[in-house]
N, C-alpha and C. Protein backbone atom coordinates (compact mmCIF):
# COMPACT_ATOMS: atom_id res chain seq x y z
N UNK A 1 -13.06 -12.38 -6.14
CA UNK A 1 -12.07 -12.32 -7.37
C UNK A 1 -12.93 -11.53 -8.39
N UNK A 2 -14.20 -12.35 -9.03
CA UNK A 2 -14.65 -12.14 -9.90
C UNK A 2 -14.85 -10.68 -10.43
N UNK A 3 -15.52 -10.13 -9.25
CA UNK A 3 -15.84 -8.61 -9.52
C UNK A 3 -14.48 -7.95 -9.58
N UNK A 4 -13.57 -8.22 -9.15
CA UNK A 4 -12.13 -7.62 -9.70
C UNK A 4 -12.15 -7.62 -11.14
N UNK A 5 -11.99 -9.02 -11.55
CA UNK A 5 -11.91 -9.83 -12.70
C UNK A 5 -12.79 -8.70 -14.10
N UNK A 6 -14.02 -8.44 -13.59
CA UNK A 6 -14.96 -7.65 -14.28
C UNK A 6 -14.53 -6.04 -14.59
N UNK A 7 -14.27 -5.81 -13.30
CA UNK A 7 -13.73 -4.30 -13.14
C UNK A 7 -12.67 -4.08 -14.16
N UNK A 8 -11.59 -4.84 -14.15
CA UNK A 8 -10.49 -5.11 -15.17
C UNK A 8 -10.92 -4.71 -16.34
N UNK A 9 -11.73 -5.78 -16.73
CA UNK A 9 -12.17 -5.96 -18.13
C UNK A 9 -13.19 -4.48 -18.83
N UNK A 10 -13.67 -4.07 -17.87
CA UNK A 10 -14.20 -2.85 -18.03
C UNK A 10 -13.46 -1.47 -18.17
N UNK A 11 -12.37 -1.79 -17.20
CA UNK A 11 -11.75 -0.52 -16.87
C UNK A 11 -10.70 -0.94 -18.00
N UNK A 12 -10.18 -1.37 -18.78
CA UNK A 12 -9.12 -1.77 -19.76
C UNK A 12 -9.98 -1.35 -21.06
N UNK A 13 -11.12 -1.71 -21.40
CA UNK A 13 -11.72 -1.15 -22.75
C UNK A 13 -11.97 0.10 -22.42
N UNK A 14 -12.13 0.94 -21.26
CA UNK A 14 -12.51 2.31 -21.23
C UNK A 14 -11.21 3.24 -21.71
N UNK A 15 -10.28 2.59 -20.87
CA UNK A 15 -8.70 3.13 -21.22
C UNK A 15 -8.37 2.90 -22.50
N UNK A 16 -8.39 2.11 -23.13
CA UNK A 16 -7.88 1.92 -24.43
C UNK A 16 -8.74 2.72 -25.66
N UNK A 17 -10.30 2.17 -25.30
CA UNK A 17 -11.01 3.30 -26.33
C UNK A 17 -11.08 4.79 -26.22
N UNK A 18 -11.10 5.17 -25.06
CA UNK A 18 -11.64 6.85 -24.85
C UNK A 18 -10.32 7.50 -24.92
N UNK A 19 -9.32 6.85 -24.36
CA UNK A 19 -8.17 7.89 -23.83
C UNK A 19 -7.22 8.43 -24.85
N UNK A 20 -6.83 9.90 -24.94
CA UNK A 20 -6.54 10.51 -26.37
C UNK A 20 -5.39 11.02 -25.69
N UNK A 21 -4.96 11.30 -24.52
CA UNK A 21 -3.32 12.00 -24.29
C UNK A 21 -2.88 11.02 -23.12
N UNK A 22 -1.95 10.87 -22.67
CA UNK A 22 -1.00 10.27 -21.36
C UNK A 22 -0.45 11.22 -20.59
N UNK A 23 -0.33 10.64 -18.96
CA UNK A 23 0.55 11.22 -18.36
C UNK A 23 0.92 10.49 -17.06
N UNK A 24 1.96 10.81 -16.83
CA UNK A 24 3.01 9.84 -15.84
C UNK A 24 2.86 10.96 -14.67
N UNK A 25 3.32 9.97 -13.54
CA UNK A 25 3.58 10.70 -12.40
C UNK A 25 4.11 9.65 -11.20
N UNK A 26 5.43 10.67 -10.54
CA UNK A 26 5.86 10.40 -9.77
C UNK A 26 5.68 11.03 -8.41
N UNK A 27 5.47 9.70 -7.39
CA UNK A 27 5.18 10.21 -6.26
C UNK A 27 5.88 9.69 -4.93
N UNK A 28 6.26 10.53 -4.35
CA UNK A 28 7.21 10.46 -2.95
C UNK A 28 6.44 11.28 -1.62
N UNK A 29 6.63 10.08 -0.41
CA UNK A 29 5.93 10.50 0.43
C UNK A 29 5.67 9.63 2.04
N UNK A 30 4.71 9.89 2.91
CA UNK A 30 4.78 8.82 4.12
C UNK A 30 3.56 8.24 4.28
N UNK A 31 3.71 7.07 4.06
CA UNK A 31 2.42 6.22 4.48
C UNK A 31 2.37 5.56 6.16
N UNK A 32 1.34 5.75 6.83
CA UNK A 32 1.16 5.30 8.16
C UNK A 32 0.42 4.05 8.12
N UNK A 33 0.06 2.75 8.38
CA UNK A 33 -0.11 1.69 7.94
C UNK A 33 -0.72 1.35 9.45
N UNK A 34 -1.69 0.59 9.74
CA UNK A 34 -2.04 0.29 11.21
C UNK A 34 -1.02 -0.81 11.96
N UNK A 35 -0.49 -1.44 10.82
CA UNK A 35 0.19 -2.83 11.38
C UNK A 35 1.85 -2.38 11.78
N UNK A 36 2.08 -1.10 11.20
CA UNK A 36 3.76 -0.78 11.28
C UNK A 36 3.82 0.39 12.08
N UNK A 37 4.97 0.83 11.90
CA UNK A 37 5.42 2.39 12.08
C UNK A 37 5.47 3.10 10.98
N UNK A 38 5.27 4.58 10.67
CA UNK A 38 5.14 5.36 9.68
C UNK A 38 6.67 4.72 8.66
N UNK A 39 6.25 5.21 7.26
CA UNK A 39 7.50 4.97 7.02
C UNK A 39 7.68 5.78 5.21
N UNK A 40 8.52 5.30 4.47
CA UNK A 40 8.61 5.98 3.27
C UNK A 40 7.77 5.76 2.12
N UNK A 41 7.16 5.76 1.41
CA UNK A 41 6.56 5.38 0.24
C UNK A 41 6.88 6.16 -1.01
N UNK A 42 7.11 5.37 -2.36
CA UNK A 42 7.51 5.65 -3.28
C UNK A 42 6.58 5.05 -4.44
N UNK A 43 6.28 5.89 -5.42
CA UNK A 43 4.99 5.37 -6.63
C UNK A 43 5.23 5.82 -7.87
N UNK A 44 4.94 5.37 -8.68
CA UNK A 44 4.62 5.55 -10.28
C UNK A 44 3.09 5.22 -10.72
N UNK A 45 2.62 6.62 -11.27
CA UNK A 45 1.22 6.32 -11.61
C UNK A 45 1.22 6.50 -13.59
N UNK A 46 0.50 5.74 -14.16
CA UNK A 46 0.27 6.22 -15.37
C UNK A 46 -1.00 6.12 -15.74
N UNK A 47 -1.63 7.27 -16.56
CA UNK A 47 -2.98 7.31 -16.91
C UNK A 47 -2.95 7.97 -18.21
N UNK A 48 -4.15 8.08 -18.81
CA UNK A 48 -4.33 7.94 -20.40
C UNK A 48 -5.80 9.28 -19.98
N UNK A 49 -5.65 10.25 -20.46
CA UNK A 49 -6.62 11.52 -20.76
C UNK A 49 -7.82 11.26 -21.12
N UNK A 50 -9.00 11.04 -20.61
CA UNK A 50 -10.23 10.65 -21.17
C UNK A 50 -10.97 11.91 -21.98
N UNK A 51 -10.93 12.72 -21.15
CA UNK A 51 -10.98 14.60 -21.36
C UNK A 51 -10.28 15.48 -20.59
N UNK A 52 -10.96 16.33 -21.12
CA UNK A 52 -9.90 17.70 -20.11
C UNK A 52 -9.97 17.41 -18.28
N UNK A 53 -10.89 16.85 -18.01
CA UNK A 53 -11.05 16.76 -16.31
C UNK A 53 -11.09 14.80 -16.09
N UNK A 54 -10.94 13.89 -16.95
CA UNK A 54 -11.09 12.74 -16.08
C UNK A 54 -9.87 11.86 -16.75
N UNK A 55 -9.21 11.54 -16.12
CA UNK A 55 -8.20 10.31 -16.20
C UNK A 55 -8.35 8.70 -15.84
N UNK A 56 -7.93 7.81 -16.36
CA UNK A 56 -7.75 6.58 -16.07
C UNK A 56 -6.79 5.77 -16.17
N UNK A 57 -6.21 4.93 -15.35
CA UNK A 57 -4.63 4.48 -15.39
C UNK A 57 -4.43 3.86 -14.48
N UNK A 58 -3.32 3.52 -14.32
CA UNK A 58 -2.89 2.38 -13.17
C UNK A 58 -1.78 2.58 -12.39
N UNK A 59 -1.42 2.09 -11.30
CA UNK A 59 -0.41 2.45 -10.44
C UNK A 59 0.32 1.24 -9.60
N UNK A 60 1.76 1.84 -9.30
CA UNK A 60 2.10 0.83 -8.22
C UNK A 60 3.25 1.31 -7.56
N UNK A 61 3.31 1.31 -6.25
CA UNK A 61 3.78 1.55 -5.27
C UNK A 61 4.74 0.44 -4.51
N UNK A 62 6.13 1.23 -3.78
CA UNK A 62 6.73 0.79 -2.95
C UNK A 62 6.76 0.66 -1.61
N UNK A 63 6.20 0.50 -0.31
CA UNK A 63 6.37 0.78 0.82
C UNK A 63 7.20 0.04 1.61
N UNK A 64 8.05 0.38 2.70
CA UNK A 64 9.55 -0.15 3.30
C UNK A 64 9.42 0.11 4.57
N UNK A 65 9.16 -0.64 5.42
CA UNK A 65 9.70 0.11 7.09
C UNK A 65 10.40 -1.71 7.63
N UNK A 66 11.22 -1.33 8.55
CA UNK A 66 11.61 -2.27 9.83
C UNK A 66 10.63 -1.74 11.02
N UNK A 67 10.24 -2.69 11.75
CA UNK A 67 9.77 -2.06 13.02
C UNK A 67 9.37 -3.70 13.75
N UNK A 68 9.21 -3.30 15.29
CA UNK A 68 8.70 -4.65 15.85
C UNK A 68 7.17 -4.60 16.39
N UNK A 69 6.71 -5.59 15.98
CA UNK A 69 5.11 -6.00 15.76
C UNK A 69 4.54 -5.92 17.44
N UNK A 70 4.23 -5.04 18.05
CA UNK A 70 4.01 -4.80 19.36
C UNK A 70 2.78 -5.88 19.74
N UNK A 71 1.95 -6.11 18.91
CA UNK A 71 0.85 -6.86 19.09
C UNK A 71 1.15 -8.36 19.04
N UNK A 72 2.20 -8.78 18.29
CA UNK A 72 2.33 -10.09 18.45
C UNK A 72 3.33 -10.35 19.78
N UNK A 73 4.05 -9.09 20.27
CA UNK A 73 4.61 -9.20 21.80
C UNK A 73 3.84 -9.42 22.60
N UNK A 74 2.69 -8.86 22.59
CA UNK A 74 1.67 -9.18 23.77
C UNK A 74 0.96 -10.76 23.70
N UNK A 75 0.90 -11.11 22.20
CA UNK A 75 0.12 -12.18 22.15
C UNK A 75 1.20 -13.20 22.59
N UNK A 76 2.86 -12.98 22.53
CA UNK A 76 3.78 -14.33 22.69
C UNK A 76 3.83 -13.85 24.16
N UNK A 77 3.65 -12.65 25.02
CA UNK A 77 3.92 -12.94 26.18
C UNK A 77 2.71 -13.67 26.76
N UNK A 78 1.40 -13.30 26.35
CA UNK A 78 0.31 -14.20 26.85
C UNK A 78 0.43 -15.42 27.02
N UNK A 79 0.85 -15.87 26.38
CA UNK A 79 0.83 -17.20 25.91
C UNK A 79 1.58 -18.09 26.06
N UNK A 80 2.98 -17.47 26.07
CA UNK A 80 4.09 -17.88 26.22
C UNK A 80 5.17 -17.76 27.58
N UNK A 81 4.30 -17.08 28.42
CA UNK A 81 4.77 -16.36 29.55
C UNK A 81 5.82 -14.57 29.67
N UNK A 82 6.43 -14.50 30.42
CA UNK A 82 7.06 -13.03 30.29
C UNK A 82 8.70 -13.11 30.17
N UNK A 83 8.76 -12.71 28.91
CA UNK A 83 10.05 -12.63 28.29
C UNK A 83 10.27 -11.65 27.58
N UNK A 84 9.85 -10.62 27.66
CA UNK A 84 9.55 -9.40 26.50
C UNK A 84 10.72 -9.11 25.72
N UNK A 85 12.29 -9.31 26.10
CA UNK A 85 13.06 -8.99 25.56
C UNK A 85 13.20 -9.87 24.25
N UNK A 86 12.95 -11.21 24.87
CA UNK A 86 12.79 -12.25 23.80
C UNK A 86 12.19 -12.30 22.65
N UNK A 87 10.55 -11.93 23.35
CA UNK A 87 9.56 -11.71 22.57
C UNK A 87 9.56 -10.77 21.54
N UNK A 88 10.36 -9.38 21.94
CA UNK A 88 10.33 -8.20 20.67
C UNK A 88 11.55 -8.84 19.81
N UNK A 89 12.40 -9.53 20.17
CA UNK A 89 13.22 -9.83 19.35
C UNK A 89 12.67 -10.72 18.29
N UNK A 90 12.10 -11.57 18.70
CA UNK A 90 10.84 -12.67 17.91
C UNK A 90 10.20 -11.86 16.99
N UNK A 91 9.65 -10.51 17.17
CA UNK A 91 8.65 -10.11 17.00
C UNK A 91 8.95 -8.73 15.67
N UNK A 92 10.72 -8.94 15.62
CA UNK A 92 11.07 -7.62 14.65
C UNK A 92 10.62 -8.25 13.44
N UNK A 93 10.41 -7.05 12.36
CA UNK A 93 9.90 -7.62 10.83
C UNK A 93 10.41 -6.62 10.14
N UNK A 94 10.56 -7.09 9.03
CA UNK A 94 11.15 -6.34 7.90
C UNK A 94 10.06 -6.73 6.81
N UNK A 95 9.27 -5.17 6.14
CA UNK A 95 8.37 -5.22 5.73
C UNK A 95 8.52 -4.69 4.45
N UNK A 96 8.07 -5.18 2.93
CA UNK A 96 8.15 -4.53 2.04
C UNK A 96 6.55 -4.78 1.51
N UNK A 97 6.04 -3.91 0.79
CA UNK A 97 4.75 -3.89 0.70
C UNK A 97 4.70 -3.01 -1.20
N UNK A 98 3.69 -3.65 -1.70
CA UNK A 98 3.48 -3.28 -3.31
C UNK A 98 2.34 -3.30 -3.64
N UNK A 99 1.63 -2.46 -3.52
CA UNK A 99 -0.02 -2.23 -4.02
C UNK A 99 0.09 -1.79 -5.55
N UNK A 100 -0.61 -2.44 -6.15
CA UNK A 100 -0.75 -2.21 -7.39
C UNK A 100 -2.21 -2.13 -8.02
N UNK A 101 -2.65 -0.99 -8.70
CA UNK A 101 -4.09 -0.57 -8.62
C UNK A 101 -4.16 -0.19 -10.02
N UNK A 102 -5.95 -0.06 -10.36
CA UNK A 102 -6.26 0.45 -11.33
C UNK A 102 -6.73 1.96 -10.97
N UNK A 103 -6.96 3.03 -11.44
CA UNK A 103 -6.91 4.32 -11.03
C UNK A 103 -8.12 4.80 -11.83
N UNK A 104 -8.46 6.08 -11.03
CA UNK A 104 -9.26 7.01 -12.01
C UNK A 104 -9.61 8.61 -11.20
N UNK A 105 -9.08 9.42 -11.82
CA UNK A 105 -9.22 10.66 -11.00
C UNK A 105 -10.13 11.61 -11.66
N UNK A 106 -10.48 12.39 -11.27
CA UNK A 106 -11.39 13.60 -11.81
C UNK A 106 -10.80 15.28 -10.99
N UNK A 107 -10.76 15.96 -12.28
CA UNK A 107 -9.92 17.07 -12.02
C UNK A 107 -11.27 18.52 -11.83
N UNK A 108 -10.70 19.15 -10.95
CA UNK A 108 -11.69 20.31 -10.95
C UNK A 108 -11.20 21.79 -11.19
N UNK A 109 -10.83 22.28 -12.21
CA UNK A 109 -10.05 23.63 -12.15
C UNK A 109 -10.56 24.69 -11.35
N UNK A 110 -9.45 25.08 -10.99
CA UNK A 110 -9.52 26.38 -9.77
C UNK A 110 -9.53 27.80 -10.58
N UNK A 111 -8.22 27.77 -11.61
CA UNK A 111 -8.04 28.85 -12.50
C UNK A 111 -7.07 27.88 -13.71
N UNK A 112 -6.39 28.79 -14.85
CA UNK A 112 -6.20 28.12 -15.93
C UNK A 112 -5.02 27.07 -15.41
N UNK A 113 -4.04 27.50 -13.92
CA UNK A 113 -3.14 26.47 -13.48
C UNK A 113 -3.20 25.99 -12.55
N UNK A 114 -4.00 26.01 -12.01
CA UNK A 114 -4.39 25.24 -10.51
C UNK A 114 -5.58 24.36 -10.75
N UNK A 115 -5.82 23.26 -10.27
CA UNK A 115 -6.27 22.37 -10.33
C UNK A 115 -6.60 21.38 -8.40
N UNK A 116 -8.22 21.43 -8.24
CA UNK A 116 -8.39 20.45 -7.16
C UNK A 116 -8.66 18.82 -7.74
N UNK A 117 -8.11 18.02 -7.11
CA UNK A 117 -8.94 16.50 -7.74
C UNK A 117 -9.11 15.62 -7.13
N UNK A 118 -10.20 14.31 -7.27
CA UNK A 118 -10.27 13.62 -6.61
C UNK A 118 -9.83 12.26 -7.09
N UNK A 119 -9.43 11.00 -6.51
CA UNK A 119 -8.54 9.99 -6.97
C UNK A 119 -9.03 8.77 -6.18
N UNK A 120 -9.42 7.49 -6.81
CA UNK A 120 -9.60 6.34 -6.43
C UNK A 120 -9.13 5.21 -7.32
N UNK A 121 -8.86 4.08 -6.45
CA UNK A 121 -8.26 3.05 -6.85
C UNK A 121 -8.47 1.67 -6.33
N UNK A 122 -8.27 0.69 -7.25
CA UNK A 122 -8.95 -0.78 -6.44
C UNK A 122 -7.92 -1.73 -7.06
N UNK A 123 -7.51 -2.64 -6.61
CA UNK A 123 -6.16 -3.64 -7.03
C UNK A 123 -6.03 -4.29 -6.03
N UNK A 124 -4.60 -4.88 -6.26
CA UNK A 124 -4.16 -6.10 -5.39
C UNK A 124 -2.79 -5.65 -4.85
N UNK A 125 -2.52 -6.19 -3.49
CA UNK A 125 -1.75 -6.03 -2.40
C UNK A 125 -0.90 -6.86 -2.48
N UNK A 126 0.80 -6.77 -2.72
CA UNK A 126 1.83 -7.82 -2.68
C UNK A 126 2.41 -7.61 -1.28
N UNK A 127 2.37 -8.47 -0.32
CA UNK A 127 3.31 -7.92 0.75
C UNK A 127 4.54 -9.01 1.02
N UNK A 128 5.65 -8.98 1.10
CA UNK A 128 6.79 -9.38 1.44
C UNK A 128 7.79 -9.02 2.83
N UNK A 129 7.41 -10.38 3.60
CA UNK A 129 7.93 -10.27 4.84
C UNK A 129 9.18 -10.95 5.24
N UNK A 130 9.59 -10.53 6.02
CA UNK A 130 11.03 -11.36 6.67
C UNK A 130 10.78 -10.93 7.99
N UNK A 131 11.20 -11.97 8.91
CA UNK A 131 10.19 -12.36 10.16
C UNK A 131 11.24 -12.93 10.80
N UNK A 132 11.19 -13.26 12.06
CA UNK A 132 12.31 -14.12 12.94
C UNK A 132 11.39 -15.55 13.36
N UNK A 133 12.31 -16.39 13.31
CA UNK A 133 12.03 -17.81 13.67
C UNK A 133 11.86 -17.88 15.18
N UNK A 134 10.60 -18.54 15.55
CA UNK A 134 9.95 -18.20 16.96
C UNK A 134 10.90 -19.28 17.88
N UNK A 135 11.63 -20.12 17.33
CA UNK A 135 12.64 -20.89 18.34
C UNK A 135 13.96 -20.56 18.39
N UNK A 136 14.11 -20.11 16.98
CA UNK A 136 15.94 -19.79 16.70
C UNK A 136 15.59 -17.80 16.22
N UNK A 137 15.22 -16.88 16.85
CA UNK A 137 14.72 -15.49 16.65
C UNK A 137 15.83 -14.69 16.28
N UNK A 138 17.10 -15.36 15.93
CA UNK A 138 18.33 -14.53 15.21
C UNK A 138 18.20 -14.95 13.86
N UNK A 139 17.67 -15.71 13.61
CA UNK A 139 17.05 -16.41 12.04
C UNK A 139 16.12 -15.64 11.29
N UNK A 140 16.18 -15.85 10.23
CA UNK A 140 15.10 -14.88 9.52
C UNK A 140 14.42 -15.83 8.68
N UNK A 141 12.96 -15.78 8.59
CA UNK A 141 12.32 -16.57 7.72
C UNK A 141 11.51 -15.78 6.79
N UNK A 142 10.96 -16.20 5.45
CA UNK A 142 10.26 -15.26 4.26
C UNK A 142 9.10 -15.77 4.41
N UNK A 143 8.13 -14.76 3.94
CA UNK A 143 6.75 -15.20 3.71
C UNK A 143 6.20 -14.01 2.78
N UNK A 144 5.36 -14.61 1.95
CA UNK A 144 4.66 -13.38 0.91
C UNK A 144 2.88 -13.75 1.18
N UNK A 145 2.48 -12.35 1.08
CA UNK A 145 0.85 -12.76 1.39
C UNK A 145 0.14 -11.82 0.89
N UNK A 146 -1.05 -11.71 0.41
CA UNK A 146 -1.75 -11.11 -0.90
C UNK A 146 -3.13 -10.61 -0.26
N UNK A 147 -3.68 -9.83 -0.87
CA UNK A 147 -4.96 -9.47 -0.36
C UNK A 147 -5.58 -8.88 -1.81
N UNK A 148 -6.69 -8.49 -2.28
CA UNK A 148 -7.37 -6.69 -2.54
C UNK A 148 -7.11 -5.64 -1.67
N UNK A 149 -6.97 -4.53 -2.13
CA UNK A 149 -7.26 -3.32 -1.83
C UNK A 149 -8.17 -2.29 -2.52
N UNK A 150 -8.31 -1.00 -1.61
CA UNK A 150 -8.87 0.15 -2.51
C UNK A 150 -7.91 1.11 -1.96
N UNK A 151 -8.39 2.42 -2.66
CA UNK A 151 -7.81 3.60 -2.21
C UNK A 151 -8.85 4.84 -2.56
N UNK A 152 -8.70 5.84 -1.90
CA UNK A 152 -9.45 7.52 -2.00
C UNK A 152 -8.65 8.64 -1.54
N UNK A 153 -8.74 9.33 -1.69
CA UNK A 153 -8.32 10.49 -1.62
C UNK A 153 -8.76 11.75 -2.64
N UNK A 154 -7.86 12.76 -2.22
CA UNK A 154 -8.07 14.52 -2.97
C UNK A 154 -6.61 14.80 -2.91
N UNK A 155 -6.64 15.77 -3.99
CA UNK A 155 -5.13 16.36 -4.17
C UNK A 155 -5.27 17.58 -4.86
N UNK A 156 -4.30 18.47 -4.88
CA UNK A 156 -4.15 19.85 -5.19
C UNK A 156 -2.54 19.51 -6.43
N UNK A 157 -3.26 20.55 -7.91
CA UNK A 157 -1.98 20.64 -8.56
C UNK A 157 -1.84 21.94 -9.22
N UNK A 158 -0.90 22.33 -9.76
CA UNK A 158 -0.10 23.25 -9.82
C UNK A 158 0.77 23.28 -11.02
N UNK A 159 0.34 23.75 -12.23
CA UNK A 159 0.91 23.49 -13.77
C UNK A 159 1.92 24.92 -13.80
N UNK A 160 3.27 24.13 -13.87
CA UNK A 160 4.09 25.19 -13.99
C UNK A 160 4.74 25.41 -15.59
N UNK A 161 4.26 24.11 -16.65
CA UNK A 161 4.35 24.53 -17.66
C UNK A 161 3.19 23.80 -18.60
N UNK A 162 3.28 23.69 -19.81
CA UNK A 162 1.92 23.13 -20.59
C UNK A 162 2.50 21.84 -20.41
N UNK A 163 3.54 20.93 -20.03
CA UNK A 163 3.59 19.68 -20.20
C UNK A 163 3.69 19.11 -18.78
N UNK A 164 3.87 19.86 -17.64
CA UNK A 164 3.84 18.99 -16.22
C UNK A 164 3.33 20.16 -15.34
N UNK A 165 2.95 19.69 -14.28
CA UNK A 165 2.68 20.06 -12.98
C UNK A 165 3.31 19.43 -11.84
N UNK A 166 2.91 20.14 -10.32
CA UNK A 166 3.31 19.56 -9.36
C UNK A 166 2.21 19.41 -8.53
N UNK A 167 2.06 18.53 -7.71
CA UNK A 167 0.94 18.07 -6.81
C UNK A 167 1.53 17.79 -5.59
N UNK A 168 0.28 17.85 -4.67
CA UNK A 168 0.16 17.20 -3.22
C UNK A 168 -1.24 16.24 -3.31
N UNK A 169 -1.00 15.13 -2.75
CA UNK A 169 -2.43 14.79 -2.24
C UNK A 169 -2.01 13.94 -1.22
N UNK A 170 -3.60 13.87 -0.39
CA UNK A 170 -3.83 13.11 0.70
C UNK A 170 -4.78 11.86 0.35
N UNK A 171 -4.18 10.52 1.02
CA UNK A 171 -5.07 9.77 0.42
C UNK A 171 -5.56 8.41 1.77
N UNK A 172 -6.14 7.57 1.79
CA UNK A 172 -6.38 6.63 2.48
C UNK A 172 -6.66 5.21 1.61
N UNK A 173 -5.41 4.23 1.92
CA UNK A 173 -5.62 3.15 1.48
C UNK A 173 -6.11 2.03 2.63
N UNK A 174 -6.23 0.96 1.92
CA UNK A 174 -7.21 -0.16 2.59
C UNK A 174 -6.75 -1.37 2.18
N UNK A 175 -6.45 -2.24 2.99
CA UNK A 175 -5.74 -3.83 3.11
C UNK A 175 -5.23 -4.61 3.85
N UNK A 176 -5.64 -5.92 3.63
CA UNK A 176 -5.34 -6.75 4.99
C UNK A 176 -4.71 -7.99 4.89
N UNK A 177 -3.41 -7.86 4.01
CA UNK A 177 -3.04 -9.39 3.93
C UNK A 177 -2.82 -10.19 5.17
N UNK A 178 -2.64 -11.75 4.93
CA UNK A 178 -2.50 -12.25 5.71
C UNK A 178 -2.19 -13.80 5.56
N UNK A 179 -1.74 -14.62 7.06
CA UNK A 179 -1.73 -15.91 6.60
C UNK A 179 -1.65 -16.65 8.44
N UNK A 180 -2.01 -18.15 7.97
CA UNK A 180 -2.25 -18.81 9.18
C UNK A 180 -0.71 -19.52 9.55
N UNK A 181 -0.02 -19.75 11.11
CA UNK A 181 0.93 -20.63 10.72
C UNK A 181 1.03 -20.88 12.39
N UNK A 182 2.02 -21.97 12.79
CA UNK A 182 2.04 -22.54 14.03
C UNK A 182 3.23 -22.46 14.43
N UNK A 183 2.94 -22.29 15.89
CA UNK A 183 4.34 -22.01 16.68
C UNK A 183 4.17 -23.33 17.98
N UNK A 184 5.31 -23.75 17.90
CA UNK A 184 5.31 -25.08 19.01
C UNK A 184 6.39 -24.10 20.17
N UNK A 185 6.03 -24.09 21.66
CA UNK A 185 7.18 -24.26 22.36
C UNK A 185 8.14 -25.14 22.74
N UNK A 186 9.32 -25.03 22.65
CA UNK A 186 9.89 -26.32 22.74
C UNK A 186 9.90 -26.40 24.37
N UNK A 187 9.80 -25.38 25.20
CA UNK A 187 9.74 -26.04 26.36
C UNK A 187 8.35 -26.75 27.12
N UNK A 188 7.06 -26.65 26.65
CA UNK A 188 6.06 -26.80 27.48
C UNK A 188 5.55 -27.99 26.12
N UNK A 189 6.22 -27.80 24.97
CA UNK A 189 5.47 -28.63 23.91
C UNK A 189 4.00 -28.39 23.38
N UNK A 190 3.46 -27.08 24.13
CA UNK A 190 2.31 -26.66 23.48
C UNK A 190 2.41 -26.04 21.84
N UNK A 191 1.34 -26.05 21.30
CA UNK A 191 1.38 -25.67 20.01
C UNK A 191 -0.21 -24.68 19.52
N UNK A 192 0.23 -23.59 19.51
CA UNK A 192 -0.72 -22.42 19.03
C UNK A 192 -1.00 -22.11 17.41
N UNK A 193 -1.91 -21.83 16.86
CA UNK A 193 -2.00 -21.42 15.67
C UNK A 193 -2.58 -20.16 15.45
N UNK A 194 -1.91 -19.16 14.92
CA UNK A 194 -1.83 -18.06 15.29
C UNK A 194 -1.89 -17.31 13.33
N UNK A 195 -2.73 -16.41 13.28
CA UNK A 195 -3.06 -15.82 12.31
C UNK A 195 -2.18 -14.65 12.14
N UNK A 196 -1.44 -14.34 11.28
CA UNK A 196 -0.49 -12.95 11.15
C UNK A 196 -1.12 -12.28 10.12
N UNK A 197 -1.96 -11.35 10.49
CA UNK A 197 -2.57 -10.14 9.83
C UNK A 197 -1.52 -8.95 9.79
N UNK A 198 -1.35 -8.40 8.64
CA UNK A 198 -1.26 -7.11 8.67
C UNK A 198 -2.22 -6.06 7.94
N UNK A 199 -2.35 -5.36 8.94
CA UNK A 199 -3.54 -4.10 8.63
C UNK A 199 -2.83 -3.18 7.76
N UNK A 200 -2.62 -3.08 6.71
CA UNK A 200 -1.85 -2.17 5.86
C UNK A 200 -2.76 -0.85 5.43
N UNK A 201 -3.98 -0.97 6.12
CA UNK A 201 -4.79 0.55 5.95
C UNK A 201 -4.15 1.68 7.02
N UNK A 202 -4.06 2.67 6.08
CA UNK A 202 -4.04 4.28 7.01
C UNK A 202 -3.77 5.29 5.87
N UNK A 203 -3.23 6.62 6.19
CA UNK A 203 -3.27 7.83 5.43
C UNK A 203 -2.11 7.77 5.03
N UNK A 204 -2.05 7.98 3.79
CA UNK A 204 -0.80 8.48 3.05
C UNK A 204 -0.84 10.04 2.25
N UNK A 205 0.38 10.66 2.52
CA UNK A 205 0.58 11.98 2.27
C UNK A 205 1.58 11.76 1.30
N UNK A 206 1.22 12.54 -0.01
CA UNK A 206 2.72 12.59 -1.02
C UNK A 206 2.64 13.90 -1.85
N UNK A 207 3.64 14.08 -2.30
CA UNK A 207 4.24 15.06 -2.99
C UNK A 207 4.37 14.59 -4.50
N UNK A 208 4.27 14.95 -5.65
CA UNK A 208 4.49 14.51 -6.54
C UNK A 208 4.80 15.39 -8.19
N UNK A 209 5.64 14.68 -8.83
CA UNK A 209 5.74 15.63 -10.37
C UNK A 209 4.75 14.89 -11.31
N UNK A 210 3.90 15.61 -12.32
CA UNK A 210 3.49 14.58 -13.57
C UNK A 210 3.89 15.33 -14.64
N UNK A 211 3.72 14.61 -15.58
CA UNK A 211 4.51 14.97 -16.94
C UNK A 211 3.52 14.79 -17.75
N UNK A 212 3.17 14.95 -19.02
CA UNK A 212 2.36 14.95 -19.66
C UNK A 212 2.86 14.65 -21.43
N UNK A 213 2.24 13.76 -21.97
CA UNK A 213 2.74 13.53 -23.25
C UNK A 213 1.81 12.76 -24.59
């Protein structure tokens, strides 16, 4: 956490002192984290242009998916016995993920209107989960989990005007929010502690519109 704080201070100083112009970008695409099914992700990135080929900024994304946690189904089945239908109901999850990052990107012009670029980011992951109560799986429970994250990727952009361009990018995102909880079997009275980890690492592909100001 101290390292993230130092990075934040240095990044903010660079962002404020050296930036000359700004750019905003709206990104839409598909994200495939290891913890869940693939789903839709939307994001906004704001950056200041340090020079013609380098930008510093921040980004925030929203990823949402409903899915059945197959690993959790297997854990419940192994510990509490074979009742796959009930265990699948218990493992139904409604997930909202909010990665917030400090970002940096470097552009490499191909010609006056086309660039390739690399992008990286570091920040925090905020995960909001609605999951099923173990004893009464028809009822929902709510939990928030947090972790650090990082991202690296590359993209291609085409400037269709002096003020805007369109782009596509492929990135790898890494984060693993988790928390511990206890489950008590109402029949056998046995208790077991689980770590519910959400491996939010995976590839995302997005298309977007960037505008300059």
